[in-house]
């Protein structure tokens, strides 16, 4: 691989603060990686933001303010905050970004375009303060605009999914009761919280990235749904040369992304497996990926194994939460008595896809919780039906859980 990597600043003790430069063979294109604080274990770990430097200066994602990270990952979930996290300044993540840009000889005012890979809080919430110091325009896929542009979008998603989570059998979060919600949300100053930003240039599909209405040579947008409906990646590099894919959360290493829609996610993996000219993949969390096809293959196999395990667990009547809390379903222990949104959703999307091909059926409900049981067929036959759906580009689900 002739894309050259140089470490400019090592990782700090808290796990973020890394600054790297990737130089392309053309001598004109560079990508800088700056990692900003986001909790690991309880969260996905530091958010890697990327600066693309060629005809324009393009920032991909901005991370989450440290004070908001503490609120979302700890306080709103009623989780104890580790002392090393509690001691971080409210603007720690912002300082990491600014100091990283200072190190490479750039400032926020130099940025021409901000591209949001998708509308999850750890990717765009710091934009509110960053945009006060730059005239950069903002791009994101149109399907992410409800989360990015609506100041109530994040809270709406949190509240609306709580009924769904109850139906899985998951314990209610401490913020689940009406009285607690009203206490949490009463008097929220949404402008000061910065829970939304304006998208100036919505992305509708694949094609060259545009800045100020002009196409940028060597930067192509790709719609990569599945982790979220409007996830996008950027392919950086010129035709015939080496290319890098900045992929948001669609591909991660070593952790596995949480699909919002497993069928769509597996279809996106099929799309990525067909890419022949990507030498470097730069995800929003974790480590770089130097073998795209191998990582796609590993993720596909991971979901096949989890589908099989889900199917086997449901040989007897099981709720989604029963599946999620089965020993060995995840690498880490999931406490059955504690709310865990990501664990519940991971089990749910696998059960949903199995139900779609008649591998699982809803056998009964009890106290508002839905229970499922697998059919008597061999799993390989069931998985064959799933593969038929994945490879049929015309197929999309019309019903969710």
Protein backbone atom coordinates (compact mmCIF):
# COMPACT_ATOMS: atom_id res chain seq x y z
CA UNK A 1 0.00 0.00 0.00
CA UNK A 2 1.54 3.30 -1.08
CA UNK A 3 -0.75 5.53 0.99
CA UNK A 4 1.77 6.55 3.65
CA UNK A 5 0.80 6.87 7.32
CA UNK A 6 2.51 9.17 9.83
CA UNK A 7 1.60 9.50 13.51
CA UNK A 8 1.71 13.14 14.57
CA UNK A 9 0.43 12.78 18.13
CA UNK A 10 0.00 9.60 20.22
CA UNK A 11 -3.13 8.49 22.02
CA UNK A 12 -3.66 10.17 25.40
CA UNK A 13 -4.31 8.22 28.59
CA UNK A 14 -8.08 8.70 28.25
CA UNK A 15 -7.91 6.85 24.90
CA UNK A 16 -8.42 9.76 22.48
CA UNK A 17 -6.31 12.64 21.17
CA UNK A 18 -4.55 10.65 18.43
CA UNK A 19 -3.54 12.60 15.30
CA UNK A 20 -2.41 10.83 12.09
CA UNK A 21 -1.70 11.86 8.52
CA UNK A 22 -2.26 9.72 5.43
CA UNK A 23 -0.38 10.91 2.32
CA UNK A 24 -1.57 9.79 -1.11
CA UNK A 25 0.87 9.01 -3.95
CA UNK A 26 -0.36 11.96 -6.05
CA UNK A 27 1.31 14.35 -3.58
CA UNK A 28 -1.81 16.52 -3.50
CA UNK A 29 -4.28 14.56 -1.39
CA UNK A 30 -3.97 14.02 2.35
CA UNK A 31 -6.30 12.74 5.05
CA UNK A 32 -5.82 13.65 8.69
CA UNK A 33 -7.34 11.59 11.50
CA UNK A 34 -8.12 13.24 14.85
CA UNK A 35 -9.67 11.10 17.58
CA UNK A 36 -12.02 12.87 20.00
CA UNK A 37 -13.38 11.62 23.30
CA UNK A 38 -16.32 9.24 23.44
CA UNK A 39 -16.62 6.55 26.13
CA UNK A 40 -15.69 2.96 25.41
CA UNK A 41 -17.25 -0.14 26.99
CA UNK A 42 -20.50 1.74 27.65
CA UNK A 43 -20.08 3.49 24.28
CA UNK A 44 -18.28 2.84 20.97
CA UNK A 45 -15.01 4.50 22.03
CA UNK A 46 -13.31 7.65 20.71
CA UNK A 47 -14.84 9.17 17.58
CA UNK A 48 -12.38 9.45 14.71
CA UNK A 49 -13.01 12.57 12.64
CA UNK A 50 -11.24 13.04 9.33
CA UNK A 51 -9.99 16.05 7.39
CA UNK A 52 -9.68 15.56 3.64
CA UNK A 53 -7.24 18.00 2.08
CA UNK A 54 -7.17 18.38 -1.70
CA UNK A 55 -9.04 21.02 -3.72
CA UNK A 56 -10.99 21.86 -0.58
CA UNK A 57 -10.74 21.13 3.14
CA UNK A 58 -13.51 18.72 4.10
CA UNK A 59 -14.24 17.63 7.67
CA UNK A 60 -16.04 14.29 8.05
CA UNK A 61 -17.93 14.14 11.37
CA UNK A 62 -17.15 16.26 14.42
CA UNK A 63 -17.72 14.04 17.45
CA UNK A 64 -19.73 14.77 20.58
CA UNK A 65 -19.13 17.46 23.25
CA UNK A 66 -17.72 15.90 26.40
CA UNK A 67 -20.50 17.26 28.61
CA UNK A 68 -23.09 15.69 26.28
CA UNK A 69 -21.18 12.39 26.22
CA UNK A 70 -21.37 12.28 30.01
CA UNK A 71 -25.12 12.96 29.85
CA UNK A 72 -26.00 10.49 27.08
CA UNK A 73 -23.79 7.57 28.08
CA UNK A 74 -23.90 7.86 31.86
CA UNK A 75 -26.38 10.28 33.45
CA UNK A 76 -29.41 9.51 31.25
CA UNK A 77 -28.76 5.78 31.71
CA UNK A 78 -28.28 6.15 35.47
CA UNK A 79 -24.75 4.74 35.20
CA UNK A 80 -21.80 5.63 37.45
CA UNK A 81 -19.27 7.91 35.74
CA UNK A 82 -15.63 6.79 36.10
CA UNK A 83 -13.49 9.41 37.84
CA UNK A 84 -11.21 9.86 34.83
CA UNK A 85 -14.28 10.72 32.73
CA UNK A 86 -15.90 12.88 35.40
CA UNK A 87 -12.68 14.93 35.63
CA UNK A 88 -12.66 15.79 31.91
CA UNK A 89 -13.45 19.41 31.06
CA UNK A 90 -16.86 19.95 29.40
CA UNK A 91 -15.08 21.05 26.20
CA UNK A 92 -12.39 18.34 26.22
CA UNK A 93 -13.46 16.85 22.86
CA UNK A 94 -13.60 20.28 21.27
CA UNK A 95 -10.08 21.04 22.49
CA UNK A 96 -8.84 17.75 21.03
CA UNK A 97 -10.23 18.70 17.62
CA UNK A 98 -8.86 22.26 17.71
CA UNK A 99 -5.44 21.18 19.02
CA UNK A 100 -5.27 18.49 16.34
CA UNK A 101 -6.00 21.06 13.65
CA UNK A 102 -3.40 23.41 15.13
CA UNK A 103 -0.85 20.60 14.92
CA UNK A 104 -1.44 20.17 11.18
CA UNK A 105 -1.37 23.91 10.58
CA UNK A 106 -5.09 24.40 10.08
CA UNK A 107 -7.92 26.17 11.87
CA UNK A 108 -11.67 25.71 11.95
CA UNK A 109 -12.10 28.73 9.70
CA UNK A 110 -10.24 26.86 6.92
CA UNK A 111 -12.93 24.17 6.62
CA UNK A 112 -15.00 24.42 3.43
CA UNK A 113 -17.42 21.56 3.99
CA UNK A 114 -18.64 19.45 6.90
CA UNK A 115 -19.97 16.02 5.95
CA UNK A 116 -21.95 14.12 8.60
CA UNK A 117 -21.67 10.36 8.03
CA UNK A 118 -24.96 9.74 9.89
CA UNK A 119 -27.21 11.28 12.51
CA UNK A 120 -26.05 9.59 15.70
CA UNK A 121 -25.08 11.90 18.58
CA UNK A 122 -21.41 10.89 18.72
CA UNK A 123 -20.95 12.04 15.12
CA UNK A 124 -22.59 15.44 14.81
CA UNK A 125 -23.44 17.04 18.17
CA UNK A 126 -20.20 19.03 18.37
CA UNK A 127 -21.09 20.72 15.07
CA UNK A 128 -23.19 23.34 16.84
CA UNK A 129 -20.15 24.96 18.47
CA UNK A 130 -17.77 24.25 15.58
CA UNK A 131 -20.01 25.99 13.04
CA UNK A 132 -19.86 29.18 15.10
CA UNK A 133 -16.21 29.47 14.02
CA UNK A 134 -16.39 28.50 10.37
CA UNK A 135 -18.46 29.38 7.32
CA UNK A 136 -18.40 25.76 6.14
CA UNK A 137 -21.55 24.34 4.59
CA UNK A 138 -23.00 21.08 5.91
CA UNK A 139 -23.85 17.92 3.98
CA UNK A 140 -25.66 14.80 5.17
CA UNK A 141 -27.97 12.26 3.58
CA UNK A 142 -31.59 13.38 3.41
CA UNK A 143 -32.67 10.28 5.39
CA UNK A 144 -30.64 11.47 8.39
CA UNK A 145 -32.21 14.93 8.50
CA UNK A 146 -34.90 14.03 11.10
CA UNK A 147 -32.12 13.34 13.62
CA UNK A 148 -29.71 16.08 12.55
CA UNK A 149 -32.04 19.00 11.80
CA UNK A 150 -34.84 18.54 14.33
CA UNK A 151 -33.85 19.78 17.82
CA UNK A 152 -36.23 17.20 19.29
CA UNK A 153 -35.01 14.40 16.99
CA UNK A 154 -32.77 12.60 19.47
CA UNK A 155 -35.29 12.84 22.30
CA UNK A 156 -38.08 11.73 19.97
CA UNK A 157 -36.13 8.61 19.00
CA UNK A 158 -35.35 7.88 22.66
CA UNK A 159 -38.97 8.22 23.80
CA UNK A 160 -40.63 6.57 20.79
CA UNK A 161 -38.51 3.42 21.06
CA UNK A 162 -39.23 2.87 24.74
CA UNK A 163 -42.59 1.19 23.98
CA UNK A 164 -40.82 -1.07 21.51
CA UNK A 165 -38.19 -1.89 24.12
CA UNK A 166 -40.92 -2.75 26.63
CA UNK A 167 -42.34 -5.26 24.12
CA UNK A 168 -38.96 -6.99 23.97
CA UNK A 169 -39.10 -7.71 27.70
CA UNK A 170 -36.24 -5.36 28.53
CA UNK A 171 -36.40 -3.59 31.92
CA UNK A 172 -37.48 0.02 31.61
CA UNK A 173 -34.76 2.69 31.83
CA UNK A 174 -34.85 4.93 34.88
CA UNK A 175 -35.92 7.75 32.51
CA UNK A 176 -38.81 5.64 31.21
CA UNK A 177 -41.51 6.89 33.56
CA UNK A 178 -43.56 9.93 32.62
CA UNK A 179 -42.63 11.82 35.79
CA UNK A 180 -38.89 11.32 35.30
CA UNK A 181 -39.10 12.28 31.63
CA UNK A 182 -40.94 15.46 32.47
CA UNK A 183 -38.30 16.29 35.07
CA UNK A 184 -35.46 15.64 32.61
CA UNK A 185 -36.93 17.56 29.69
CA UNK A 186 -38.68 20.42 31.49
CA UNK A 187 -37.16 23.75 30.54
CA UNK A 188 -34.69 22.34 28.03
CA UNK A 189 -32.99 25.16 26.14
CA UNK A 190 -32.51 23.38 22.85
CA UNK A 191 -30.50 26.20 21.31
CA UNK A 192 -27.91 26.11 24.08
CA UNK A 193 -27.76 22.31 24.02
CA UNK A 194 -27.05 22.30 20.30
CA UNK A 195 -29.06 19.18 19.50
CA UNK A 196 -29.59 20.14 15.86
CA UNK A 197 -27.86 21.85 12.95
CA UNK A 198 -28.95 23.00 9.51
CA UNK A 199 -28.01 20.80 6.55
CA UNK A 200 -27.22 23.10 3.63
CA UNK A 201 -26.59 20.45 0.97
CA UNK A 202 -28.59 17.25 1.44
CA UNK A 203 -27.21 14.11 -0.18
CA UNK A 204 -29.70 12.08 -2.22
CA UNK A 205 -27.49 9.36 -3.70
CA UNK A 206 -24.08 8.38 -4.98
CA UNK A 207 -21.85 10.74 -6.90
CA UNK A 208 -19.11 13.35 -6.58
CA UNK A 209 -19.07 15.41 -3.39
CA UNK A 210 -20.03 19.01 -4.10
CA UNK A 211 -18.70 22.02 -2.20
CA UNK A 212 -20.34 25.32 -2.99
CA UNK A 213 -22.08 23.71 -5.96
CA UNK A 214 -18.78 22.55 -7.50
CA UNK A 215 -17.74 18.92 -7.78
CA UNK A 216 -14.58 18.02 -5.87
CA UNK A 217 -12.23 15.82 -7.87
CA UNK A 218 -11.24 12.66 -6.10
CA UNK A 219 -14.03 12.56 -3.49
CA UNK A 220 -17.05 10.36 -4.19
CA UNK A 221 -20.11 9.90 -1.95
CA UNK A 222 -21.56 6.44 -1.41
CA UNK A 223 -24.87 5.71 0.32
CA UNK A 224 -24.18 2.82 2.73
CA UNK A 225 -27.38 2.20 4.72
CA UNK A 226 -28.00 -0.42 7.38
CA UNK A 227 -26.33 1.01 10.47
CA UNK A 228 -28.69 3.91 9.92
CA UNK A 229 -30.98 4.70 6.96
CA UNK A 230 -28.81 7.48 5.54
CA UNK A 231 -25.27 6.43 6.42
CA UNK A 232 -22.76 7.65 3.85
CA UNK A 233 -19.12 6.97 3.11
CA UNK A 234 -16.59 8.97 1.12
CA UNK A 235 -14.18 7.38 -1.35
CA UNK A 236 -11.04 9.52 -1.54
CA UNK A 237 -8.61 9.13 -4.43
CA UNK A 238 -8.46 9.52 -8.19
CA UNK A 239 -9.42 7.08 -10.92
CA UNK A 240 -6.64 4.55 -11.46
CA UNK A 241 -4.92 5.45 -8.20
CA UNK A 242 -5.07 4.20 -4.65
CA UNK A 243 -8.23 5.03 -2.73
CA UNK A 244 -9.39 5.24 0.87
CA UNK A 245 -12.93 4.79 2.16
CA UNK A 246 -14.06 6.93 5.10
CA UNK A 247 -16.99 4.81 6.23
CA UNK A 248 -18.53 6.19 9.44
CA UNK A 249 -19.91 3.28 11.49
CA UNK A 250 -20.75 1.00 8.56
CA UNK A 251 -17.50 -0.92 9.07
CA UNK A 252 -15.70 -0.97 12.41
CA UNK A 253 -12.60 -2.74 13.69
CA UNK A 254 -12.38 -4.63 16.01
CA UNK A 255 -15.95 -4.13 17.27
CA UNK A 256 -18.99 -4.86 15.11
CA UNK A 257 -21.48 -2.12 14.16
CA UNK A 258 -25.05 -2.33 15.42
CA UNK A 259 -27.40 -2.59 12.41
CA UNK A 260 -30.59 -0.57 12.46
CA UNK A 261 -31.93 -2.87 9.73
CA UNK A 262 -30.03 -6.15 9.38
CA UNK A 263 -31.32 -6.99 5.90
CA UNK A 264 -30.27 -3.60 4.54
CA UNK A 265 -26.95 -3.83 6.36
CA UNK A 266 -26.16 -7.23 4.84
CA UNK A 267 -27.08 -5.83 1.41
CA UNK A 268 -24.62 -2.99 2.00
CA UNK A 269 -21.91 -5.50 2.93
CA UNK A 270 -22.56 -7.20 -0.43
CA UNK A 271 -22.08 -3.84 -2.12
CA UNK A 272 -18.83 -3.20 -0.26
CA UNK A 273 -17.51 -6.68 -1.07
CA UNK A 274 -17.66 -5.76 -4.76
CA UNK A 275 -15.33 -2.77 -4.37
CA UNK A 276 -12.02 -3.60 -6.05
CA UNK A 277 -9.95 -0.47 -5.58
CA UNK A 278 -10.05 0.40 -1.86
CA UNK A 279 -6.65 0.06 -0.18
CA UNK A 280 -7.50 1.69 3.16
CA UNK A 281 -10.71 1.92 5.20
CA UNK A 282 -10.99 4.59 7.90
CA UNK A 283 -13.84 3.94 10.36
CA UNK A 284 -15.32 6.37 12.88
CA UNK A 285 -14.31 4.21 15.85
CA UNK A 286 -11.48 1.80 16.48
CA UNK A 287 -8.64 0.85 14.16
CA UNK A 288 -8.08 1.31 10.43
CA UNK A 289 -8.92 -1.57 8.07
CA UNK A 290 -6.33 -2.56 5.46
CA UNK A 291 -8.23 -5.48 3.89
CA UNK A 292 -11.76 -4.42 2.99
CA UNK A 293 -12.90 -7.78 1.65
CA UNK A 294 -11.60 -9.67 4.68
CA UNK A 295 -13.37 -7.33 7.10
CA UNK A 296 -16.63 -7.51 5.13
CA UNK A 297 -16.34 -11.30 5.12
CA UNK A 298 -15.73 -11.37 8.87
CA UNK A 299 -18.76 -9.17 9.55
CA UNK A 300 -20.97 -11.27 7.28
CA UNK A 301 -19.85 -14.44 9.07
CA UNK A 302 -20.42 -12.77 12.45
CA UNK A 303 -24.06 -12.10 11.57
CA UNK A 304 -24.54 -15.60 10.13
CA UNK A 305 -23.32 -17.04 13.43
CA UNK A 306 -25.54 -14.72 15.45
CA UNK A 307 -28.55 -15.59 13.30
CA UNK A 308 -27.86 -19.29 13.89
CA UNK A 309 -27.48 -18.78 17.65
CA UNK A 310 -30.69 -16.72 17.75
CA UNK A 311 -32.54 -19.45 15.85
CA UNK A 312 -31.24 -22.15 18.20
CA UNK A 313 -32.09 -20.19 21.36
CA UNK A 314 -35.65 -19.86 20.08
CA UNK A 315 -36.17 -23.62 19.88
CA UNK A 316 -38.31 -22.82 22.91
CA UNK A 317 -40.50 -19.75 23.34
CA UNK A 318 -38.25 -16.74 23.93
CA UNK A 319 -38.61 -12.96 24.14
CA UNK A 320 -36.09 -10.65 22.52
CA UNK A 321 -34.65 -9.88 25.95
CA UNK A 322 -34.38 -13.61 26.73
CA UNK A 323 -32.21 -13.94 23.63
CA UNK A 324 -30.10 -10.86 24.35
CA UNK A 325 -29.31 -12.03 27.88
CA UNK A 326 -28.51 -15.65 27.00
CA UNK A 327 -25.00 -16.52 28.16
CA UNK A 328 -22.59 -16.37 25.22
CA UNK A 329 -24.85 -14.31 22.96
CA UNK A 330 -22.49 -11.36 23.42
CA UNK A 331 -18.81 -11.35 24.33
CA UNK A 332 -19.60 -9.29 27.42
CA UNK A 333 -22.15 -9.96 30.15
CA UNK A 334 -25.58 -8.37 29.73
CA UNK A 335 -27.35 -7.93 33.06
CA UNK A 336 -30.98 -9.11 32.66
CA UNK A 337 -32.08 -6.67 35.36
CA UNK A 338 -30.65 -3.55 33.66
CA UNK A 339 -31.83 -1.59 30.63
CA UNK A 340 -29.44 -2.06 27.68
CA UNK A 341 -30.76 -0.53 24.49
CA UNK A 342 -27.98 -1.68 22.15
CA UNK A 343 -28.09 -5.28 23.37
CA UNK A 344 -31.85 -5.40 22.94
CA UNK A 345 -31.74 -3.87 19.46
CA UNK A 346 -28.99 -6.25 18.34
CA UNK A 347 -31.10 -9.27 19.28
CA UNK A 348 -34.23 -7.66 17.83
CA UNK A 349 -32.84 -7.07 14.31
CA UNK A 350 -31.64 -10.68 14.09
CA UNK A 351 -35.03 -12.00 15.22
CA UNK A 352 -36.74 -9.62 12.83
CA UNK A 353 -34.81 -10.98 9.84
CA UNK A 354 -35.46 -14.58 10.86
CA UNK A 355 -39.17 -13.77 11.14
CA UNK A 356 -39.09 -12.22 7.68
CA UNK A 357 -38.22 -15.61 6.14
CA UNK A 358 -40.59 -17.58 8.42
CA UNK A 359 -37.73 -18.92 10.51
CA UNK A 360 -39.33 -17.51 13.65
CA UNK A 361 -42.95 -16.94 14.46
CA UNK A 362 -44.56 -14.90 17.20
CA UNK A 363 -46.17 -17.57 19.34
CA UNK A 364 -47.78 -15.46 22.08
CA UNK A 365 -47.63 -12.29 24.14
CA UNK A 366 -47.66 -12.08 27.91
CA UNK A 367 -47.94 -8.86 29.93
CA UNK A 368 -47.20 -6.89 26.77
CA UNK A 369 -44.02 -8.84 25.96
CA UNK A 370 -43.77 -10.70 22.62
CA UNK A 371 -42.45 -14.28 22.48
CA UNK A 372 -41.07 -16.15 19.46
CA UNK A 373 -40.29 -19.74 18.55
CA UNK A 374 -38.28 -21.14 15.66
CA UNK A 375 -39.71 -23.43 13.01
CA UNK A 376 -38.59 -27.06 12.77
CA UNK A 377 -36.46 -26.62 9.65
CA UNK A 378 -32.68 -26.87 9.37
CA UNK A 379 -30.95 -23.52 9.88
CA UNK A 380 -29.06 -23.78 6.58
CA UNK A 381 -32.38 -23.77 4.74
CA UNK A 382 -33.49 -20.70 6.70
CA UNK A 383 -30.19 -18.95 6.03
CA UNK A 384 -30.54 -19.77 2.34
CA UNK A 385 -33.80 -17.81 2.32
CA UNK A 386 -32.01 -14.90 3.98
CA UNK A 387 -29.25 -15.00 1.35
CA UNK A 388 -31.91 -14.90 -1.37
CA UNK A 389 -33.25 -11.68 0.14
CA UNK A 390 -29.80 -10.17 0.58
CA UNK A 391 -28.79 -10.77 -3.03
CA UNK A 392 -32.13 -9.55 -4.42
CA UNK A 393 -31.51 -5.81 -4.79
CA UNK A 394 -35.19 -5.23 -5.56
CA UNK A 395 -36.31 -6.59 -2.21
CA UNK A 396 -36.95 -4.38 0.78
CA UNK A 397 -38.98 -4.99 3.90
CA UNK A 398 -42.39 -3.32 4.16
CA UNK A 399 -42.93 -4.20 7.82
CA UNK A 400 -40.77 -3.74 10.90
CA UNK A 401 -41.20 -5.33 14.32
